[in-house]
PDB file of N, CA and C in Angstrom:
ATOM      1  N   MET A   1     -45.422 194.975  87.488  1.00  0.00           N
ATOM      2  CA  MET A   1     -45.202 196.289  86.941  1.00  0.00           C
ATOM      3  C   MET A   1     -45.334 197.359  88.017  1.00  0.00           C
ATOM      4  N   ALA A   2     -46.395 197.327  88.801  1.00  0.00           N
ATOM      5  CA  ALA A   2     -46.642 198.355  89.808  1.00  0.00           C
ATOM      6  C   ALA A   2     -45.543 198.387  90.867  1.00  0.00           C
ATOM      7  N   TRP A   3     -45.109 197.231  91.311  1.00  0.00           N
ATOM      8  CA  TRP A   3     -44.086 197.176  92.361  1.00  0.00           C
ATOM      9  C   TRP A   3     -42.767 197.741  91.864  1.00  0.00           C
ATOM     10  N   ARG A   4     -42.401 197.457  90.626  1.00  0.00           N
ATOM     11  CA  ARG A   4     -41.140 197.968  90.074  1.00  0.00           C
ATOM     12  C   ARG A   4     -41.191 199.472  89.862  1.00  0.00           C
ATOM     13  N   THR A   5     -42.335 200.004  89.567  1.00  0.00           N
ATOM     14  CA  THR A   5     -42.478 201.445  89.342  1.00  0.00           C
ATOM     15  C   THR A   5     -42.113 202.233  90.590  1.00  0.00           C
ATOM     16  N   LEU A   6     -42.544 201.746  91.741  1.00  0.00           N
ATOM     17  CA  LEU A   6     -42.288 202.477  92.979  1.00  0.00           C
ATOM     18  C   LEU A   6     -40.838 202.365  93.413  1.00  0.00           C
ATOM     19  N   GLY A   7     -40.271 201.167  93.330  1.00  0.00           N
ATOM     20  CA  GLY A   7     -38.876 200.976  93.684  1.00  0.00           C
ATOM     21  C   GLY A   7     -38.544 201.355  95.112  1.00  0.00           C
ATOM     22  N   ARG A   8     -39.489 201.228  96.001  1.00  0.00           N
ATOM     23  CA  ARG A   8     -39.280 201.597  97.403  1.00  0.00           C
ATOM     24  C   ARG A   8     -39.846 200.521  98.313  1.00  0.00           C
ATOM     25  N   ARG A   9     -39.499 200.631  99.563  1.00  0.00           N
ATOM     26  CA  ARG A   9     -40.034 199.707 100.554  1.00  0.00           C
ATOM     27  C   ARG A   9     -41.500 200.053 100.821  1.00  0.00           C
ATOM     28  N   VAL A  10     -42.338 199.054 100.755  1.00  0.00           N
ATOM     29  CA  VAL A  10     -43.768 199.252 100.980  1.00  0.00           C
ATOM     30  C   VAL A  10     -44.212 198.402 102.153  1.00  0.00           C
ATOM     31  N   ARG A  11     -45.321 198.790 102.748  1.00  0.00           N
ATOM     32  CA  ARG A  11     -45.916 197.985 103.804  1.00  0.00           C
ATOM     33  C   ARG A  11     -47.424 197.994 103.638  1.00  0.00           C
ATOM     34  N   VAL A  12     -48.033 196.867 103.954  1.00  0.00           N
ATOM     35  CA  VAL A  12     -49.487 196.773 103.893  1.00  0.00           C
ATOM     36  C   VAL A  12     -50.031 197.336 105.186  1.00  0.00           C
ATOM     37  N   ALA A  13     -50.910 198.330 105.086  1.00  0.00           N
ATOM     38  CA  ALA A  13     -51.410 199.021 106.261  1.00  0.00           C
ATOM     39  C   ALA A  13     -52.776 198.512 106.690  1.00  0.00           C
ATOM     40  N   ALA A  14     -53.663 198.291 105.751  1.00  0.00           N
ATOM     41  CA  ALA A  14     -55.031 197.890 106.078  1.00  0.00           C
ATOM     42  C   ALA A  14     -55.701 197.400 104.813  1.00  0.00           C
ATOM     43  N   GLU A  15     -56.954 197.008 104.939  1.00  0.00           N
ATOM     44  CA  GLU A  15     -57.713 196.624 103.765  1.00  0.00           C
ATOM     45  C   GLU A  15     -58.704 197.717 103.421  1.00  0.00           C
ATOM     46  N   ALA A  16     -58.838 197.995 102.143  1.00  0.00           N
ATOM     47  CA  ALA A  16     -59.808 198.976 101.680  1.00  0.00           C
ATOM     48  C   ALA A  16     -61.204 198.390 101.819  1.00  0.00           C
ATOM     49  N   THR A  17     -62.194 199.200 101.633  1.00  0.00           N
ATOM     50  CA  THR A  17     -63.565 198.753 101.794  1.00  0.00           C
ATOM     51  C   THR A  17     -63.948 197.678 100.791  1.00  0.00           C
ATOM     52  N   ASN A  18     -63.311 197.668  99.627  1.00  0.00           N
ATOM     53  CA  ASN A  18     -63.644 196.670  98.614  1.00  0.00           C
ATOM     54  C   ASN A  18     -62.780 195.418  98.717  1.00  0.00           C
ATOM     55  N   GLY A  19     -61.985 195.294  99.766  1.00  0.00           N
ATOM     56  CA  GLY A  19     -61.186 194.099  99.988  1.00  0.00           C
ATOM     57  C   GLY A  19     -59.772 194.173  99.456  1.00  0.00           C
ATOM     58  N   ASN A  20     -59.421 195.207  98.712  1.00  0.00           N
ATOM     59  CA  ASN A  20     -58.054 195.355  98.220  1.00  0.00           C
ATOM     60  C   ASN A  20     -57.165 195.878  99.339  1.00  0.00           C
ATOM     61  N   PRO A  21     -55.935 195.375  99.442  1.00  0.00           N
ATOM     62  CA  PRO A  21     -55.052 195.879 100.492  1.00  0.00           C
ATOM     63  C   PRO A  21     -54.620 197.321 100.231  1.00  0.00           C
ATOM     64  N   VAL A  22     -54.517 198.091 101.292  1.00  0.00           N
ATOM     65  CA  VAL A  22     -54.000 199.459 101.218  1.00  0.00           C
ATOM     66  C   VAL A  22     -52.519 199.388 101.551  1.00  0.00           C
ATOM     67  N   ILE A  23     -51.698 199.950 100.690  1.00  0.00           N
ATOM     68  CA  ILE A  23     -50.254 199.911 100.839  1.00  0.00           C
ATOM     69  C   ILE A  23     -49.774 201.327 101.106  1.00  0.00           C
ATOM     70  N   VAL A  24     -48.867 201.486 102.055  1.00  0.00           N
ATOM     71  CA  VAL A  24     -48.344 202.802 102.398  1.00  0.00           C
ATOM     72  C   VAL A  24     -46.904 202.905 101.903  1.00  0.00           C
ATOM     73  N   VAL A  25     -46.639 203.938 101.103  1.00  0.00           N
ATOM     74  CA  VAL A  25     -45.303 204.220 100.596  1.00  0.00           C
ATOM     75  C   VAL A  25     -45.024 205.691 100.844  1.00  0.00           C
ATOM     76  N   ASP A  26     -44.007 205.973 101.636  1.00  0.00           N
ATOM     77  CA  ASP A  26     -43.635 207.364 101.943  1.00  0.00           C
ATOM     78  C   ASP A  26     -44.817 208.189 102.432  1.00  0.00           C
ATOM     79  N   GLY A  27     -45.707 207.599 103.215  1.00  0.00           N
ATOM     80  CA  GLY A  27     -46.847 208.301 103.774  1.00  0.00           C
ATOM     81  C   GLY A  27     -48.059 208.373 102.865  1.00  0.00           C
ATOM     82  N   ALA A  28     -47.929 207.968 101.603  1.00  0.00           N
ATOM     83  CA  ALA A  28     -49.048 207.978 100.670  1.00  0.00           C
ATOM     84  C   ALA A  28     -49.743 206.613 100.715  1.00  0.00           C
ATOM     85  N   ARG A  29     -51.082 206.625 100.731  1.00  0.00           N
ATOM     86  CA  ARG A  29     -51.859 205.388 100.747  1.00  0.00           C
ATOM     87  C   ARG A  29     -52.203 204.996  99.320  1.00  0.00           C
ATOM     88  N   LEU A  30     -51.858 203.753  98.951  1.00  0.00           N
ATOM     89  CA  LEU A  30     -52.067 203.267  97.597  1.00  0.00           C
ATOM     90  C   LEU A  30     -52.900 202.001  97.619  1.00  0.00           C
ATOM     91  N   VAL A  31     -53.602 201.762  96.517  1.00  0.00           N
ATOM     92  CA  VAL A  31     -54.366 200.531  96.349  1.00  0.00           C
ATOM     93  C   VAL A  31     -54.107 200.037  94.926  1.00  0.00           C
ATOM     94  N   LEU A  32     -54.059 198.716  94.766  1.00  0.00           N
ATOM     95  CA  LEU A  32     -53.870 198.118  93.449  1.00  0.00           C
ATOM     96  C   LEU A  32     -55.149 197.377  93.094  1.00  0.00           C
ATOM     97  N   PRO A  33     -56.016 198.013  92.289  1.00  0.00           N
ATOM     98  CA  PRO A  33     -57.277 197.373  91.925  1.00  0.00           C
ATOM     99  C   PRO A  33     -57.027 196.072  91.156  1.00  0.00           C
ATOM    100  N   PRO A  34     -57.948 195.122  91.209  1.00  0.00           N
ATOM    101  CA  PRO A  34     -57.778 193.866  90.476  1.00  0.00           C
ATOM    102  C   PRO A  34     -57.594 194.118  88.979  1.00  0.00           C
ATOM    103  N   GLY A  35     -56.583 193.498  88.414  1.00  0.00           N
ATOM    104  CA  GLY A  35     -56.315 193.627  86.991  1.00  0.00           C
ATOM    105  C   GLY A  35     -55.576 194.881  86.577  1.00  0.00           C
ATOM    106  N   ALA A  36     -55.317 195.786  87.517  1.00  0.00           N
ATOM    107  CA  ALA A  36     -54.623 197.040  87.191  1.00  0.00           C
ATOM    108  C   ALA A  36     -53.117 196.807  87.110  1.00  0.00           C
ATOM    109  N   ARG A  37     -52.459 197.603  86.289  1.00  0.00           N
ATOM    110  CA  ARG A  37     -51.008 197.506  86.148  1.00  0.00           C
ATOM    111  C   ARG A  37     -50.273 198.497  87.039  1.00  0.00           C
ATOM    112  N   HIS A  38     -50.980 199.503  87.540  1.00  0.00           N
ATOM    113  CA  HIS A  38     -50.350 200.531  88.367  1.00  0.00           C
ATOM    114  C   HIS A  38     -51.201 200.794  89.600  1.00  0.00           C
ATOM    115  N   PHE A  39     -50.520 201.207  90.673  1.00  0.00           N
ATOM    116  CA  PHE A  39     -51.222 201.595  91.889  1.00  0.00           C
ATOM    117  C   PHE A  39     -52.036 202.855  91.629  1.00  0.00           C
ATOM    118  N   ARG A  40     -53.061 203.039  92.440  1.00  0.00           N
ATOM    119  CA  ARG A  40     -53.832 204.283  92.468  1.00  0.00           C
ATOM    120  C   ARG A  40     -53.754 204.819  93.891  1.00  0.00           C
ATOM    121  N   GLN A  41     -53.562 206.116  94.013  1.00  0.00           N
ATOM    122  CA  GLN A  41     -53.451 206.718  95.335  1.00  0.00           C
ATOM    123  C   GLN A  41     -54.838 206.931  95.916  1.00  0.00           C
ATOM    124  N   LEU A  42     -54.991 206.555  97.197  1.00  0.00           N
ATOM    125  CA  LEU A  42     -56.250 206.802  97.886  1.00  0.00           C
ATOM    126  C   LEU A  42     -56.237 208.225  98.414  1.00  0.00           C
ATOM    127  N   VAL A  43     -57.274 208.962  98.088  1.00  0.00           N
ATOM    128  CA  VAL A  43     -57.421 210.335  98.573  1.00  0.00           C
ATOM    129  C   VAL A  43     -58.786 210.461  99.234  1.00  0.00           C
ATOM    130  N   THR A  44     -58.930 211.472 100.067  1.00  0.00           N
ATOM    131  CA  THR A  44     -60.185 211.707 100.766  1.00  0.00           C
ATOM    132  C   THR A  44     -60.930 212.843 100.090  1.00  0.00           C
ATOM    133  N   CYS A  45     -62.198 212.616  99.811  1.00  0.00           N
ATOM    134  CA  CYS A  45     -63.039 213.637  99.191  1.00  0.00           C
ATOM    135  C   CYS A  45     -63.176 214.815 100.158  1.00  0.00           C
ATOM    136  N   THR A  46     -62.990 216.021  99.649  1.00  0.00           N
ATOM    137  CA  THR A  46     -63.070 217.208 100.499  1.00  0.00           C
ATOM    138  C   THR A  46     -64.507 217.556 100.870  1.00  0.00           C
ATOM    139  N   ARG A  47     -65.490 216.983 100.168  1.00  0.00           N
ATOM    140  CA  ARG A  47     -66.894 217.287 100.469  1.00  0.00           C
ATOM    141  C   ARG A  47     -67.526 216.252 101.392  1.00  0.00           C
ATOM    142  N   CYS A  48     -67.409 214.955 101.038  1.00  0.00           N
ATOM    143  CA  CYS A  48     -68.111 213.930 101.820  1.00  0.00           C
ATOM    144  C   CYS A  48     -67.187 213.152 102.756  1.00  0.00           C
ATOM    145  N   GLY A  49     -65.868 213.255 102.579  1.00  0.00           N
ATOM    146  CA  GLY A  49     -64.932 212.581 103.458  1.00  0.00           C
ATOM    147  C   GLY A  49     -64.669 211.121 103.112  1.00  0.00           C
ATOM    148  N   GLU A  50     -65.235 210.629 102.013  1.00  0.00           N
ATOM    149  CA  GLU A  50     -65.041 209.236 101.614  1.00  0.00           C
ATOM    150  C   GLU A  50     -63.713 209.072 100.869  1.00  0.00           C
ATOM    151  N   ASP A  51     -63.022 207.952 101.120  1.00  0.00           N
ATOM    152  CA  ASP A  51     -61.793 207.649 100.396  1.00  0.00           C
ATOM    153  C   ASP A  51     -62.131 207.098  99.022  1.00  0.00           C
ATOM    154  N   PHE A  52     -61.345 207.506  98.016  1.00  0.00           N
ATOM    155  CA  PHE A  52     -61.514 206.967  96.670  1.00  0.00           C
ATOM    156  C   PHE A  52     -60.160 206.927  95.975  1.00  0.00           C
ATOM    157  N   ALA A  53     -60.058 206.094  94.946  1.00  0.00           N
ATOM    158  CA  ALA A  53     -58.805 205.933  94.213  1.00  0.00           C
ATOM    159  C   ALA A  53     -58.702 207.011  93.137  1.00  0.00           C
ATOM    160  N   SER A  54     -57.573 207.708  93.127  1.00  0.00           N
ATOM    161  CA  SER A  54     -57.359 208.757  92.129  1.00  0.00           C
ATOM    162  C   SER A  54     -56.685 208.163  90.896  1.00  0.00           C
ATOM    163  N   ALA A  55     -56.066 208.996  90.105  1.00  0.00           N
ATOM    164  CA  ALA A  55     -55.392 208.576  88.876  1.00  0.00           C
ATOM    165  C   ALA A  55     -54.231 207.625  89.180  1.00  0.00           C
ATOM    166  N   PRO A  56     -53.821 206.828  88.201  1.00  0.00           N
ATOM    167  CA  PRO A  56     -52.703 205.892  88.416  1.00  0.00           C
ATOM    168  C   PRO A  56     -51.418 206.615  88.796  1.00  0.00           C
ATOM    169  N   VAL A  57     -50.639 205.977  89.655  1.00  0.00           N
ATOM    170  CA  VAL A  57     -49.321 206.477  90.042  1.00  0.00           C
ATOM    171  C   VAL A  57     -48.322 205.800  89.118  1.00  0.00           C
ATOM    172  N   LEU A  58     -47.734 206.557  88.202  1.00  0.00           N
ATOM    173  CA  LEU A  58     -46.839 205.986  87.200  1.00  0.00           C
ATOM    174  C   LEU A  58     -45.376 206.031  87.603  1.00  0.00           C
ATOM    175  N   ASN A  59     -45.036 206.867  88.595  1.00  0.00           N
ATOM    176  CA  ASN A  59     -43.669 206.892  89.108  1.00  0.00           C
ATOM    177  C   ASN A  59     -43.690 207.400  90.544  1.00  0.00           C
ATOM    178  N   ALA A  60     -42.591 207.196  91.235  1.00  0.00           N
ATOM    179  CA  ALA A  60     -42.519 207.554  92.651  1.00  0.00           C
ATOM    180  C   ALA A  60     -42.624 209.055  92.872  1.00  0.00           C
ATOM    181  N   GLY A  61     -42.322 209.862  91.878  1.00  0.00           N
ATOM    182  CA  GLY A  61     -42.429 211.311  91.993  1.00  0.00           C
ATOM    183  C   GLY A  61     -43.865 211.800  92.117  1.00  0.00           C
ATOM    184  N   GLN A  62     -44.827 210.965  91.775  1.00  0.00           N
ATOM    185  CA  GLN A  62     -46.234 211.352  91.856  1.00  0.00           C
ATOM    186  C   GLN A  62     -46.836 211.085  93.229  1.00  0.00           C
ATOM    187  N   LEU A  63     -46.076 210.520  94.135  1.00  0.00           N
ATOM    188  CA  LEU A  63     -46.583 210.247  95.475  1.00  0.00           C
ATOM    189  C   LEU A  63     -46.643 211.530  96.280  1.00  0.00           C
ATOM    190  N   THR A  64     -47.796 211.837  96.822  1.00  0.00           N
ATOM    191  CA  THR A  64     -47.949 212.979  97.707  1.00  0.00           C
ATOM    192  C   THR A  64     -48.704 212.517  98.939  1.00  0.00           C
ATOM    193  N   ARG A  65     -48.473 213.164 100.035  1.00  0.00           N
ATOM    194  CA  ARG A  65     -49.130 212.756 101.272  1.00  0.00           C
ATOM    195  C   ARG A  65     -50.574 213.211 101.344  1.00  0.00           C
ATOM    196  N   GLU A  66     -50.875 214.363 100.826  1.00  0.00           N
ATOM    197  CA  GLU A  66     -52.239 214.886 100.948  1.00  0.00           C
ATOM    198  C   GLU A  66     -52.667 215.540  99.647  1.00  0.00           C
ATOM    199  N   LEU A  67     -53.708 215.016  99.079  1.00  0.00           N
ATOM    200  CA  LEU A  67     -54.285 215.587  97.868  1.00  0.00           C
ATOM    201  C   LEU A  67     -55.690 216.074  98.183  1.00  0.00           C
ATOM    202  N   SER A  68     -56.057 217.230  97.669  1.00  0.00           N
ATOM    203  CA  SER A  68     -57.416 217.735  97.836  1.00  0.00           C
ATOM    204  C   SER A  68     -58.175 217.483  96.545  1.00  0.00           C
ATOM    205  N   GLN A  69     -59.138 216.572  96.619  1.00  0.00           N
ATOM    206  CA  GLN A  69     -59.924 216.240  95.442  1.00  0.00           C
ATOM    207  C   GLN A  69     -61.366 216.001  95.857  1.00  0.00           C
ATOM    208  N   VAL A  70     -62.245 216.025  94.859  1.00  0.00           N
ATOM    209  CA  VAL A  70     -63.660 215.762  95.070  1.00  0.00           C
ATOM    210  C   VAL A  70     -63.996 214.476  94.322  1.00  0.00           C
ATOM    211  N   CYS A  71     -64.717 213.553  94.971  1.00  0.00           N
ATOM    212  CA  CYS A  71     -65.058 212.270  94.353  1.00  0.00           C
ATOM    213  C   CYS A  71     -66.094 212.473  93.248  1.00  0.00           C
ATOM    214  N   GLY A  72     -66.277 211.460  92.423  1.00  0.00           N
ATOM    215  CA  GLY A  72     -67.200 211.536  91.298  1.00  0.00           C
ATOM    216  C   GLY A  72     -68.634 211.770  91.720  1.00  0.00           C
ATOM    217  N   ARG A  73     -69.054 211.169  92.818  1.00  0.00           N
ATOM    218  CA  ARG A  73     -70.435 211.340  93.291  1.00  0.00           C
ATOM    219  C   ARG A  73     -70.681 212.786  93.701  1.00  0.00           C
ATOM    220  N   CYS A  74     -69.743 213.390  94.404  1.00  0.00           N
ATOM    221  CA  CYS A  74     -69.898 214.795  94.819  1.00  0.00           C
ATOM    222  C   CYS A  74     -69.754 215.740  93.626  1.00  0.00           C
ATOM    223  N   MET A  75     -68.915 215.377  92.663  1.00  0.00           N
ATOM    224  CA  MET A  75     -68.699 216.213  91.484  1.00  0.00           C
ATOM    225  C   MET A  75     -70.002 216.374  90.706  1.00  0.00           C
ATOM    226  N   VAL A  76     -70.784 215.317  90.626  1.00  0.00           N
ATOM    227  CA  VAL A  76     -72.071 215.363  89.918  1.00  0.00           C
ATOM    228  C   VAL A  76     -73.037 216.282  90.653  1.00  0.00           C
ATOM    229  N   ASN A  77     -72.936 216.329  91.976  1.00  0.00           N
ATOM    230  CA  ASN A  77     -73.881 217.104  92.781  1.00  0.00           C
ATOM    231  C   ASN A  77     -73.384 218.501  93.145  1.00  0.00           C
ATOM    232  N   LEU A  78     -72.337 218.992  92.476  1.00  0.00           N
ATOM    233  CA  LEU A  78     -71.840 220.334  92.758  1.00  0.00           C
ATOM    234  C   LEU A  78     -72.894 221.368  92.340  1.00  0.00           C
ATOM    235  N   PRO A  79     -73.051 222.433  93.124  1.00  0.00           N
ATOM    236  CA  PRO A  79     -74.038 223.471  92.765  1.00  0.00           C
ATOM    237  C   PRO A  79     -73.609 224.268  91.555  1.00  0.00           C
TER     238      PRO A  79
END
């Protein structure tokens, strides 16, 4: 399902910290968690700098190169 949704040429770039492969499509870094039906885009937390998986990518139009988001751990600790 996930591969057909993108409909583009993909390449495996590296492995994520949890062992899942990181896939690069049009400059966006994606990961397919175990058991998931759709890729999730890897984004960098603007506060701590850690990479985390964002919402599912349901179509190729949702691919962006740079997203500004805050991870769940930092969100809990916001002032």
